[in-house]
Amino acid sequence: MNLAALRDKIKNLSDYSPDLVQYNDQIDTLINDAYHSIWTGKRWTFATKSRNFYFHPDILPNRDKPAGGADTTAALNKGSREVVFSQVISRLGEAVTWEGAIFASEGIEYTISKVVSTTVILLDSVYLGGTLAASTNWVIKKRFYALPQDCIELLNISHRDAPISSASGAGTFPPRGKLLALVPRRDEEINLREDYKASFAEAFVWSPQVFIPPAEKIGLTSSPSGEGITGFPANTWLEVCWAFEKDGKLGALSQPATIKFTGNSGTFALGVNFLSWDDQPIIADTFQTKDVRPTQYEGYRKVVFWNANFNRTTGERLGLPAWKFFNSGGAVRNASVYLQPIVAADTVSTIAITFFNSIDPGNDRYIEIDGQHLMIRPYPRVDAWDRAIAEAVATVDYSPLIRQFLRVGEMRYYFKPPLLAEATDSPQMPGEFHILICYAALQEIYLKLGNAQMSELYRRRIADAVKDLQKRYVDHIDSTIVRSRFLLGPPSGDQYAPYDWQSLRKVT
């Protein structure tokens, strides 16, 4: 059943079916609550995802340099937060990967607050070492890794013989296997070295979660499209919101706003203003040499979203909002940034979205809700690779490629499904569970109405059905009975008869 069918089923079972938008939205909210309650009740086999986990070896002066070129040096100034490299470090092009990483020099570690460019980074505190115009005694370490935003629980990370295989195609050997999960207290008790590195990780330590603050308000404006640009059609509506993005992690959404494109033009560009609750622009100051700490919004980029579950002719919602990313779009389809999400820099408070093809209905859905992100620290830190990929410049036909050092593990995790918003959205679970969503929603409805007897009835129906379904959709580890070991010598005190270990015959 899809969302519309679930809603109709609940109305049928409750024998109450008003066709009111407010009532339908309330039912949809209860359906989503029931959906996630059942989803998280057990470790269902259908609720897991498997994906690649990319380890990132250290960035070093003699490793990240042009082929055959000189080592990359760093200009370090005592009391400054800015580090300037002598040449482009290709891997810093993935800023979200290296922000939050560790920069170390002269035995002191700092956290990277912001990657300004492929040659400039900002630290979270001032550099304490001596001033050096061309230091080669530095390293950038990827110590902490964020798990995917839809991860509820990590079930496995392992070094397998795939996806990177040997030149003969026989797979990487030996496959190191699963990483042991360690809670922070155990890590602290045995005092594992935080800076120890090796070719493979043996375990991972759960690290403190990272919280990205929620966005606040949004202001929307429109302006006529330029000549030859296909913008948003006149007399149509759009609902938009935004969220902070820091180190590749998203926060909770802002308050949404709607706009109607009107004026003397066939199409319009959309202007988005990022505002605080007291209508001040949210913008990070540019770096100043005397800054001893990061500015208020340093590194906090902004990502914009549009509501796909929206009547763009009348300006009315069709149900719960379905927020999707804006893609960059453009006049030319064959462009490397066309499919990339629109992300505003931390140093701007307004952006313009000029192309209508930025709201493709196939764009990714916003999943994160609360801004909490799980973090782990592999132990030891992985500093090796299976394949080194050289960087490649852009050509007429193909996009540029950054330098990569590939060591790829396999990750399996319990994922969080997106909300059911559009009428055709269907729960990502077998059909046998769909009626349970109706039962769980009815349990809450009757509880709200004060009918405890009917609420208890549906609670029991759910409990009985879950017992049957978990036999099919929950993993059961097979157990093997193993005979206890036999002692090789007579015990003291002759407490029991020993056995001859070669023949298993009783010794007389």
Protein backbone atom coordinates (compact mmCIF):
# COMPACT_ATOMS: atom_id res chain seq x y z
CA MET A 1 0.00 0.00 0.00
CA ASN A 2 1.13 3.55 -0.68
CA LEU A 3 0.45 6.53 1.57
CA ALA A 4 -2.97 7.25 0.04
CA ALA A 5 -4.01 3.60 0.45
CA LEU A 6 -2.80 3.50 4.05
CA ARG A 7 -4.79 6.63 4.82
CA ASP A 8 -7.94 5.20 3.22
CA LYS A 9 -7.50 1.91 5.12
CA ILE A 10 -7.31 3.75 8.44
CA LYS A 11 -10.43 5.72 7.62
CA ASN A 12 -12.21 2.50 6.69
CA LEU A 13 -11.23 0.69 9.89
CA SER A 14 -12.15 3.65 12.07
CA ASP A 15 -15.40 4.23 10.14
CA TYR A 16 -14.62 7.93 9.95
CA SER A 17 -13.53 9.41 6.62
CA PRO A 18 -13.75 13.20 6.35
CA ASP A 19 -12.05 14.65 3.27
CA LEU A 20 -10.31 17.49 5.09
CA VAL A 21 -6.75 18.57 4.37
CA GLN A 22 -5.96 19.14 8.06
CA TYR A 23 -7.31 15.73 9.07
CA ASN A 24 -5.43 13.99 6.24
CA ASP A 25 -2.18 15.67 7.33
CA GLN A 26 -2.73 14.51 10.90
CA ILE A 27 -3.37 10.95 9.68
CA ASP A 28 -0.21 11.12 7.54
CA THR A 29 1.81 12.21 10.57
CA LEU A 30 0.48 9.29 12.62
CA ILE A 31 1.25 6.93 9.73
CA ASN A 32 4.86 8.11 9.66
CA ASP A 33 5.15 7.75 13.44
CA ALA A 34 3.79 4.21 13.20
CA TYR A 35 6.02 3.43 10.23
CA HIS A 36 9.20 4.39 12.08
CA SER A 37 8.05 2.73 15.30
CA ILE A 38 7.66 -0.63 13.55
CA TRP A 39 10.83 -0.05 11.50
CA THR A 40 12.99 0.45 14.60
CA GLY A 41 11.29 -2.23 16.71
CA LYS A 42 13.54 -5.05 15.45
CA ARG A 43 16.68 -5.46 13.38
CA TRP A 44 14.70 -6.38 10.27
CA THR A 45 16.64 -7.93 7.40
CA PHE A 46 15.04 -5.57 4.89
CA ALA A 47 16.12 -2.48 6.86
CA THR A 48 19.82 -2.66 6.07
CA LYS A 49 22.00 -1.09 3.41
CA SER A 50 25.44 -2.07 2.17
CA ARG A 51 27.80 0.50 0.72
CA ASN A 52 31.48 1.22 0.27
CA PHE A 53 33.41 2.84 3.11
CA TYR A 54 36.32 4.95 1.86
CA PHE A 55 39.38 5.24 4.05
CA HIS A 56 41.50 8.34 3.50
CA PRO A 57 45.28 8.01 3.86
CA ASP A 58 47.21 10.98 5.24
CA ILE A 59 48.01 14.03 3.14
CA LEU A 60 51.79 14.42 3.20
CA PRO A 61 54.31 16.84 1.62
CA ASN A 62 55.95 14.12 -0.46
CA ARG A 63 52.72 12.26 -1.26
CA ASP A 64 50.41 15.00 -2.49
CA LYS A 65 52.56 16.70 -5.07
CA PRO A 66 52.67 16.83 -8.87
CA ALA A 67 54.23 13.79 -10.53
CA GLY A 68 57.98 14.32 -10.51
CA GLY A 69 57.58 17.68 -8.80
CA ALA A 70 58.94 19.11 -5.56
CA ASP A 71 57.44 18.38 -2.15
CA THR A 72 54.52 20.55 -1.07
CA THR A 73 55.57 23.05 1.59
CA ALA A 74 53.38 24.97 4.05
CA ALA A 75 53.75 28.61 5.07
CA LEU A 76 53.19 28.70 8.85
CA ASN A 77 53.04 31.86 10.91
CA LYS A 78 53.16 31.80 14.69
CA GLY A 79 49.85 33.15 16.05
CA SER A 80 47.96 32.75 12.75
CA ARG A 81 45.11 30.36 11.91
CA GLU A 82 45.90 30.36 8.19
CA VAL A 83 48.03 27.72 6.48
CA VAL A 84 49.09 28.35 2.87
CA PHE A 85 50.53 25.52 0.76
CA SER A 86 53.09 26.06 -1.97
CA GLN A 87 51.10 24.21 -4.63
CA VAL A 88 47.68 22.74 -5.24
CA ILE A 89 46.74 19.73 -3.10
CA SER A 90 44.21 17.99 -5.30
CA ARG A 91 42.56 16.00 -2.50
CA LEU A 92 41.61 19.21 -0.68
CA GLY A 93 39.12 19.71 -3.50
CA GLU A 94 36.86 17.42 -1.47
CA ALA A 95 36.52 20.05 1.25
CA VAL A 96 33.78 18.22 3.17
CA THR A 97 36.10 15.23 3.57
CA TRP A 98 38.95 17.16 5.16
CA GLU A 99 37.14 19.79 7.21
CA GLY A 100 37.20 18.53 10.77
CA ALA A 101 40.36 16.54 10.04
CA ILE A 102 43.65 16.98 11.95
CA PHE A 103 46.52 19.21 10.85
CA ALA A 104 49.74 18.46 12.72
CA SER A 105 53.09 20.22 12.71
CA GLU A 106 56.00 20.24 15.15
CA GLY A 107 54.23 17.68 17.31
CA ILE A 108 51.06 19.74 17.90
CA GLU A 109 47.66 18.90 16.44
CA TYR A 110 44.98 21.34 15.27
CA THR A 111 41.52 20.78 13.79
CA ILE A 112 40.83 22.11 10.30
CA SER A 113 37.95 24.56 10.63
CA LYS A 114 37.59 25.33 6.92
CA VAL A 115 39.14 24.38 3.60
CA VAL A 116 39.24 27.71 1.77
CA SER A 117 40.77 26.30 -1.41
CA THR A 118 43.13 23.58 -2.59
CA THR A 119 46.03 25.72 -1.32
CA VAL A 120 44.63 27.38 1.83
CA ILE A 121 43.11 26.00 5.06
CA LEU A 122 42.03 27.63 8.33
CA LEU A 123 42.68 26.03 11.72
CA ASP A 124 40.36 26.11 14.73
CA SER A 125 43.08 27.81 16.83
CA VAL A 126 46.25 29.77 16.19
CA TYR A 127 49.46 28.02 15.18
CA LEU A 128 51.79 27.66 18.18
CA GLY A 129 55.02 26.62 16.46
CA GLY A 130 57.72 28.80 14.98
CA THR A 131 57.21 30.86 11.84
CA LEU A 132 58.31 28.86 8.79
CA ALA A 133 58.05 30.05 5.21
CA ALA A 134 58.39 26.58 3.67
CA SER A 135 57.80 23.81 6.19
CA THR A 136 57.83 20.16 5.14
CA ASN A 137 57.17 18.92 8.67
CA TRP A 138 53.40 18.73 8.48
CA VAL A 139 50.64 16.14 7.95
CA ILE A 140 46.85 16.13 7.54
CA LYS A 141 45.15 13.12 9.17
CA LYS A 142 41.63 11.78 8.69
CA ARG A 143 41.05 10.45 12.20
CA PHE A 144 37.26 10.66 12.55
CA TYR A 145 34.70 9.50 10.00
CA ALA A 146 31.03 10.46 9.79
CA LEU A 147 28.52 7.72 9.04
CA PRO A 148 25.80 8.29 6.41
CA GLN A 149 23.02 10.66 7.41
CA ASP A 150 20.43 7.87 7.18
CA CYS A 151 22.41 5.55 9.50
CA ILE A 152 20.60 4.47 12.66
CA GLU A 153 22.99 1.72 13.72
CA LEU A 154 26.26 0.48 12.27
CA LEU A 155 26.21 -3.29 11.87
CA ASN A 156 29.51 -3.96 10.15
CA ILE A 157 32.64 -2.41 8.71
CA SER A 158 35.15 -4.81 7.23
CA HIS A 159 38.11 -5.11 4.91
CA ARG A 160 36.96 -7.55 2.23
CA ASP A 161 38.44 -8.80 -1.02
CA ALA A 162 36.20 -6.36 -2.91
CA PRO A 163 35.62 -3.82 -4.39
CA ILE A 164 39.36 -3.32 -5.01
CA SER A 165 40.87 -6.44 -6.55
CA SER A 166 44.41 -7.44 -7.48
CA ALA A 167 45.83 -6.99 -10.96
CA SER A 168 44.99 -10.62 -11.69
CA GLY A 169 41.37 -10.07 -10.66
CA ALA A 170 41.64 -12.53 -7.78
CA GLY A 171 40.58 -10.02 -5.15
CA THR A 172 42.61 -8.34 -2.44
CA PHE A 173 44.33 -10.96 -0.30
CA PRO A 174 44.23 -11.59 2.53
CA PRO A 175 40.79 -10.11 3.29
CA ARG A 176 41.26 -8.72 6.78
CA GLY A 177 37.66 -9.15 7.85
CA LYS A 178 35.39 -7.34 10.26
CA LEU A 179 36.49 -4.43 12.44
CA LEU A 180 35.83 -4.94 16.13
CA ALA A 181 33.46 -2.33 17.62
CA LEU A 182 34.70 -0.69 20.83
CA VAL A 183 32.76 1.59 23.15
CA PRO A 184 34.66 4.71 24.29
CA ARG A 185 34.99 3.47 27.88
CA ARG A 186 36.76 0.30 26.75
CA ASP A 187 39.04 2.31 24.50
CA GLU A 188 39.95 4.54 27.45
CA GLU A 189 40.52 1.59 29.80
CA ILE A 190 43.02 -0.13 27.54
CA ASN A 191 44.41 3.25 26.42
CA LEU A 192 44.56 2.69 22.66
CA ARG A 193 46.88 5.09 20.89
CA GLU A 194 44.87 7.71 19.03
CA ASP A 195 47.62 8.49 16.54
CA TYR A 196 48.67 4.92 15.76
CA LYS A 197 48.43 4.15 12.05
CA ALA A 198 48.71 0.99 9.98
CA SER A 199 47.80 -0.44 6.59
CA PHE A 200 44.49 -1.85 7.84
CA ALA A 201 42.13 -1.07 10.71
CA GLU A 202 41.46 -3.76 13.29
CA ALA A 203 38.65 -2.02 15.18
CA PHE A 204 36.69 1.19 15.40
CA VAL A 205 35.81 3.30 18.41
CA TRP A 206 32.48 5.06 18.77
CA SER A 207 33.20 8.80 18.92
CA PRO A 208 30.99 11.64 20.21
CA GLN A 209 28.16 12.54 17.88
CA VAL A 210 28.30 15.79 15.95
CA PHE A 211 25.34 18.17 16.09
CA ILE A 212 24.70 20.61 13.25
CA PRO A 213 22.45 23.48 14.43
CA PRO A 214 19.10 24.06 12.74
CA ALA A 215 18.58 26.79 10.17
CA GLU A 216 16.26 29.68 11.03
CA LYS A 217 14.35 31.82 8.50
CA ILE A 218 14.35 32.28 4.76
CA GLY A 219 13.50 35.22 2.53
CA LEU A 220 12.46 34.77 -1.10
CA THR A 221 12.53 37.27 -3.97
CA SER A 222 12.06 37.06 -7.72
CA SER A 223 13.54 38.93 -10.68
CA PRO A 224 13.04 38.61 -14.44
CA SER A 225 15.23 36.02 -16.12
CA GLY A 226 18.03 37.15 -18.36
CA GLU A 227 17.83 36.83 -22.11
CA GLY A 228 18.06 33.22 -23.26
CA ILE A 229 17.63 31.80 -19.73
CA THR A 230 14.67 29.52 -18.95
CA GLY A 231 13.72 30.38 -15.39
CA PHE A 232 10.63 29.69 -13.32
CA PRO A 233 7.39 30.29 -15.26
CA ALA A 234 5.27 33.34 -14.48
CA ASN A 235 2.26 32.94 -12.15
CA THR A 236 3.57 29.75 -10.57
CA TRP A 237 4.42 29.10 -6.93
CA LEU A 238 7.34 27.50 -5.13
CA GLU A 239 7.96 26.53 -1.48
CA VAL A 240 11.57 26.66 -0.31
CA CYS A 241 13.63 26.12 2.85
CA TRP A 242 17.32 25.60 3.69
CA ALA A 243 19.67 23.85 6.11
CA PHE A 244 23.21 24.32 7.38
CA GLU A 245 25.92 22.02 6.01
CA LYS A 246 29.17 21.60 7.95
CA ASP A 247 31.93 19.12 7.13
CA GLY A 248 29.49 17.37 4.78
CA LYS A 249 26.82 16.94 7.48
CA LEU A 250 23.34 18.52 7.31
CA GLY A 251 21.32 20.17 10.07
CA ALA A 252 17.58 20.54 10.60
CA LEU A 253 15.49 22.57 8.17
CA SER A 254 14.58 26.24 8.43
CA GLN A 255 11.09 27.66 8.52
CA PRO A 256 9.78 27.32 4.92
CA ALA A 257 8.43 30.15 2.79
CA THR A 258 6.43 30.34 -0.45
CA ILE A 259 6.72 32.72 -3.39
CA LYS A 260 4.65 33.48 -6.49
CA PHE A 261 6.53 34.59 -9.59
CA THR A 262 4.74 37.65 -10.94
CA GLY A 263 5.78 40.58 -13.11
CA ASN A 264 6.48 41.61 -16.66
CA SER A 265 8.48 38.58 -17.70
CA GLY A 266 7.84 35.08 -19.00
CA THR A 267 10.25 33.45 -16.58
CA PHE A 268 11.94 34.50 -13.35
CA ALA A 269 15.04 33.87 -11.25
CA LEU A 270 14.61 32.93 -7.59
CA GLY A 271 16.53 34.88 -4.94
CA VAL A 272 17.14 33.13 -1.60
CA ASN A 273 18.09 35.09 1.51
CA PHE A 274 19.42 33.23 4.56
CA LEU A 275 18.10 34.98 7.67
CA SER A 276 18.10 34.67 11.44
CA TRP A 277 14.91 34.91 13.48
CA ASP A 278 15.53 38.64 13.98
CA ASP A 279 15.96 39.09 10.19
CA GLN A 280 19.73 39.52 10.19
CA PRO A 281 21.67 37.95 7.30
CA ILE A 282 23.43 34.72 8.21
CA ILE A 283 26.92 35.12 6.83
CA ALA A 284 30.46 34.26 7.93
CA ASP A 285 33.03 37.04 8.09
CA THR A 286 36.06 36.64 5.86
CA PHE A 287 39.27 35.62 7.60
CA GLN A 288 41.29 38.34 9.31
CA THR A 289 44.93 37.84 10.28
CA LYS A 290 44.29 38.68 13.95
CA ASP A 291 41.42 36.19 14.36
CA VAL A 292 42.29 33.79 17.18
CA ARG A 293 39.15 31.68 16.80
CA PRO A 294 36.74 30.77 13.98
CA THR A 295 34.16 33.40 13.10
CA GLN A 296 30.53 32.77 14.00
CA TYR A 297 29.47 30.88 10.86
CA GLU A 298 32.86 29.82 9.52
CA GLY A 299 32.49 26.67 7.44
CA TYR A 300 28.69 26.65 7.73
CA ARG A 301 27.50 26.42 4.15
CA LYS A 302 23.83 26.53 3.21
CA VAL A 303 21.87 23.96 1.20
CA VAL A 304 18.49 24.85 -0.27
CA PHE A 305 15.48 22.55 -0.74
CA TRP A 306 12.13 22.76 -2.52
CA ASN A 307 8.84 21.06 -1.73
CA ALA A 308 7.91 18.55 -4.44
CA ASN A 309 4.56 17.73 -2.79
CA PHE A 310 3.15 21.12 -3.72
CA ASN A 311 0.60 22.49 -6.17
CA ARG A 312 2.67 25.03 -8.07
CA THR A 313 -0.42 26.47 -9.77
CA THR A 314 -2.43 27.30 -6.64
CA GLY A 315 0.37 27.54 -4.05
CA GLU A 316 -1.12 24.86 -1.80
CA ARG A 317 0.49 21.83 -0.21
CA LEU A 318 -0.74 18.44 -1.36
CA GLY A 319 0.11 16.81 1.97
CA LEU A 320 3.21 16.62 4.13
CA PRO A 321 6.18 18.38 2.48
CA ALA A 322 8.63 16.31 0.43
CA TRP A 323 11.83 18.35 0.52
CA LYS A 324 14.28 17.76 -2.33
CA PHE A 325 17.66 19.23 -3.22
CA PHE A 326 18.01 21.87 -5.92
CA ASN A 327 20.52 20.65 -8.50
CA SER A 328 22.76 23.27 -10.10
CA GLY A 329 21.20 22.88 -13.54
CA GLY A 330 22.19 25.31 -16.26
CA ALA A 331 21.85 26.14 -19.94
CA VAL A 332 24.27 23.32 -20.87
CA ARG A 333 23.32 19.80 -19.84
CA ASN A 334 26.74 18.23 -20.41
CA ALA A 335 28.48 19.98 -17.50
CA SER A 336 30.24 18.46 -14.47
CA VAL A 337 28.24 20.55 -11.98
CA TYR A 338 24.81 20.11 -13.58
CA LEU A 339 23.66 17.33 -11.22
CA GLN A 340 25.44 18.65 -8.12
CA PRO A 341 23.29 20.14 -5.33
CA ILE A 342 23.24 23.92 -4.96
CA VAL A 343 25.35 24.80 -1.91
CA ALA A 344 25.87 28.43 -0.89
CA ALA A 345 29.24 29.43 0.56
CA ASP A 346 29.48 30.38 4.22
CA THR A 347 30.58 33.91 3.21
CA VAL A 348 27.37 34.77 1.31
CA SER A 349 23.91 35.53 2.69
CA THR A 350 21.98 35.34 -0.57
CA ILE A 351 22.05 33.31 -3.79
CA ALA A 352 20.13 33.32 -7.06
CA ILE A 353 18.67 30.18 -8.65
CA THR A 354 18.15 31.04 -12.28
CA PHE A 355 17.26 27.81 -14.09
CA PHE A 356 13.97 25.93 -13.95
CA ASN A 357 15.79 22.62 -14.50
CA SER A 358 17.19 22.97 -10.98
CA ILE A 359 13.97 21.42 -9.63
CA ASP A 360 14.11 18.08 -11.37
CA PRO A 361 11.54 15.73 -9.70
CA GLY A 362 14.18 12.98 -9.53
CA ASN A 363 16.44 14.93 -7.18
CA ASP A 364 17.45 13.37 -3.88
CA ARG A 365 15.11 13.66 -0.89
CA TYR A 366 16.17 15.33 2.36
CA ILE A 367 16.45 12.61 5.02
CA GLU A 368 18.17 14.16 8.04
CA ILE A 369 15.72 15.40 10.69
CA ASP A 370 17.51 16.28 13.91
CA GLY A 371 21.05 17.24 12.86
CA GLN A 372 22.69 14.43 14.88
CA HIS A 373 25.44 12.50 13.08
CA LEU A 374 27.18 9.32 14.20
CA MET A 375 31.00 9.34 14.22
CA ILE A 376 33.63 6.61 14.48
CA ARG A 377 37.42 6.45 14.78
CA PRO A 378 39.06 3.50 12.99
CA TYR A 379 41.89 1.90 14.96
CA PRO A 380 44.59 1.97 13.78
CA ARG A 381 44.21 4.94 11.46
CA VAL A 382 44.41 3.61 7.91
CA ASP A 383 47.38 5.03 6.01
CA ALA A 384 47.78 2.77 2.98
CA TRP A 385 46.01 2.12 -0.29
CA ASP A 386 45.34 -0.52 -2.90
CA ARG A 387 45.24 1.76 -5.92
CA ALA A 388 46.67 5.25 -6.49
CA ILE A 389 44.64 7.26 -9.01
CA ALA A 390 46.46 10.15 -10.67
CA GLU A 391 44.63 13.41 -11.10
CA ALA A 392 43.39 14.37 -14.55
CA VAL A 393 42.54 17.79 -15.91
CA ALA A 394 39.24 18.55 -17.59
CA THR A 395 38.98 17.89 -21.29
CA VAL A 396 36.45 18.87 -23.92
CA ASP A 397 34.54 15.66 -23.28
CA TYR A 398 35.18 14.73 -19.64
CA SER A 399 35.24 16.28 -16.17
CA PRO A 400 38.44 16.67 -14.12
CA LEU A 401 39.49 13.95 -11.70
CA ILE A 402 41.21 14.59 -8.37
CA ARG A 403 44.06 12.48 -7.00
CA GLN A 404 42.81 9.47 -5.04
CA PHE A 405 44.36 6.78 -2.89
CA LEU A 406 41.83 3.98 -2.76
CA ARG A 407 41.43 1.72 0.23
CA VAL A 408 37.76 0.78 0.31
CA GLY A 409 35.99 -1.25 2.97
CA GLU A 410 32.47 -2.60 3.09
CA MET A 411 29.86 -1.11 5.40
CA ARG A 412 26.47 -2.54 6.37
CA TYR A 413 24.11 -0.46 8.48
CA TYR A 414 20.56 -0.13 9.71
CA PHE A 415 19.12 2.81 7.78
CA LYS A 416 16.45 5.40 8.40
CA PRO A 417 13.82 5.55 5.62
CA PRO A 418 12.53 8.88 4.30
CA LEU A 419 9.15 10.12 5.47
CA LEU A 420 6.05 9.16 3.53
CA ALA A 421 4.92 12.46 2.05
CA GLU A 422 3.69 12.12 -1.52
CA ALA A 423 0.51 10.12 -2.09
CA THR A 424 2.37 7.40 -4.00
CA ASP A 425 5.16 6.98 -1.43
CA SER A 426 5.24 3.38 -0.25
CA PRO A 427 6.89 2.01 2.92
CA GLN A 428 10.23 0.34 2.23
CA MET A 429 9.15 -2.91 3.84
CA PRO A 430 7.38 -6.10 2.71
CA GLY A 431 3.65 -5.88 2.14
CA GLU A 432 2.90 -7.99 5.23
CA PHE A 433 3.94 -5.02 7.38
CA HIS A 434 1.69 -2.44 5.76
CA ILE A 435 -1.40 -3.42 7.73
CA LEU A 436 0.66 -3.14 10.93
CA ILE A 437 1.25 0.53 10.11
CA CYS A 438 -2.53 1.00 10.02
CA TYR A 439 -2.93 -0.85 13.32
CA ALA A 440 -0.22 1.23 15.02
CA ALA A 441 -1.80 4.47 13.76
CA LEU A 442 -5.23 3.35 14.98
CA GLN A 443 -3.73 2.49 18.36
CA GLU A 444 -2.67 6.14 18.73
CA ILE A 445 -5.94 7.49 17.32
CA TYR A 446 -8.08 5.59 19.82
CA LEU A 447 -5.69 6.54 22.61
CA LYS A 448 -6.20 10.20 21.70
CA LEU A 449 -9.97 9.67 21.72
CA GLY A 450 -9.82 8.11 25.18
CA ASN A 451 -10.92 4.67 23.97
CA ALA A 452 -8.34 2.58 25.84
CA GLN A 453 -10.11 -0.70 25.03
CA MET A 454 -9.81 -0.29 21.25
CA SER A 455 -6.26 1.02 21.59
CA GLU A 456 -5.28 -2.09 23.56
CA LEU A 457 -6.97 -4.29 20.95
CA TYR A 458 -4.77 -2.93 18.17
CA ARG A 459 -1.66 -3.10 20.37
CA ARG A 460 -2.27 -6.83 20.84
CA ARG A 461 -2.83 -7.35 17.13
CA ILE A 462 0.51 -5.71 16.42
CA ALA A 463 2.32 -7.78 19.06
CA ASP A 464 0.89 -11.04 17.70
CA ALA A 465 1.73 -10.19 14.09
CA VAL A 466 5.28 -9.08 14.92
CA LYS A 467 5.99 -12.46 16.56
CA ASP A 468 5.15 -14.22 13.30
CA LEU A 469 7.00 -11.76 11.07
CA GLN A 470 10.21 -11.77 13.08
CA LYS A 471 10.57 -15.50 12.36
CA ARG A 472 10.92 -14.59 8.70
CA TYR A 473 12.51 -11.15 8.69
CA VAL A 474 14.92 -11.19 11.64
CA ASP A 475 18.31 -12.89 11.44
CA HIS A 476 18.76 -15.92 13.66
CA ILE A 477 22.31 -17.02 14.30
CA ASP A 478 22.66 -20.78 13.97
CA SER A 479 24.12 -22.46 17.03
CA THR A 480 26.25 -25.61 17.08
CA ILE A 481 26.57 -27.80 20.15
CA VAL A 482 30.26 -28.29 20.97
CA ARG A 483 31.50 -31.01 23.34
CA SER A 484 33.41 -29.68 26.33
CA ARG A 485 37.17 -30.05 26.32
CA PHE A 486 38.89 -33.06 27.92
CA LEU A 487 41.66 -32.58 30.46
CA LEU A 488 44.96 -34.23 29.56
CA GLY A 489 46.09 -35.02 33.08
CA PRO A 490 44.54 -36.19 36.35
CA PRO A 491 43.13 -33.29 38.36
CA SER A 492 44.19 -32.68 41.92
CA GLY A 493 42.06 -34.42 44.51
CA ASP A 494 40.80 -36.96 41.92
CA GLN A 495 37.53 -35.03 41.59
CA TYR A 496 36.54 -36.88 38.43
CA ALA A 497 37.94 -39.54 36.14
CA PRO A 498 40.42 -38.22 33.54
CA TYR A 499 40.47 -39.43 29.94
CA ASP A 500 43.23 -40.58 27.62
CA TRP A 501 43.28 -37.74 25.07
CA GLN A 502 44.38 -40.07 22.25
CA SER A 503 41.66 -42.69 22.62
CA LEU A 504 39.08 -40.91 24.80
CA ARG A 505 39.04 -44.08 26.90
CA LYS A 506 38.70 -43.85 30.62
CA VAL A 507 42.04 -44.27 32.42
CA THR A 508 42.01 -47.22 34.79
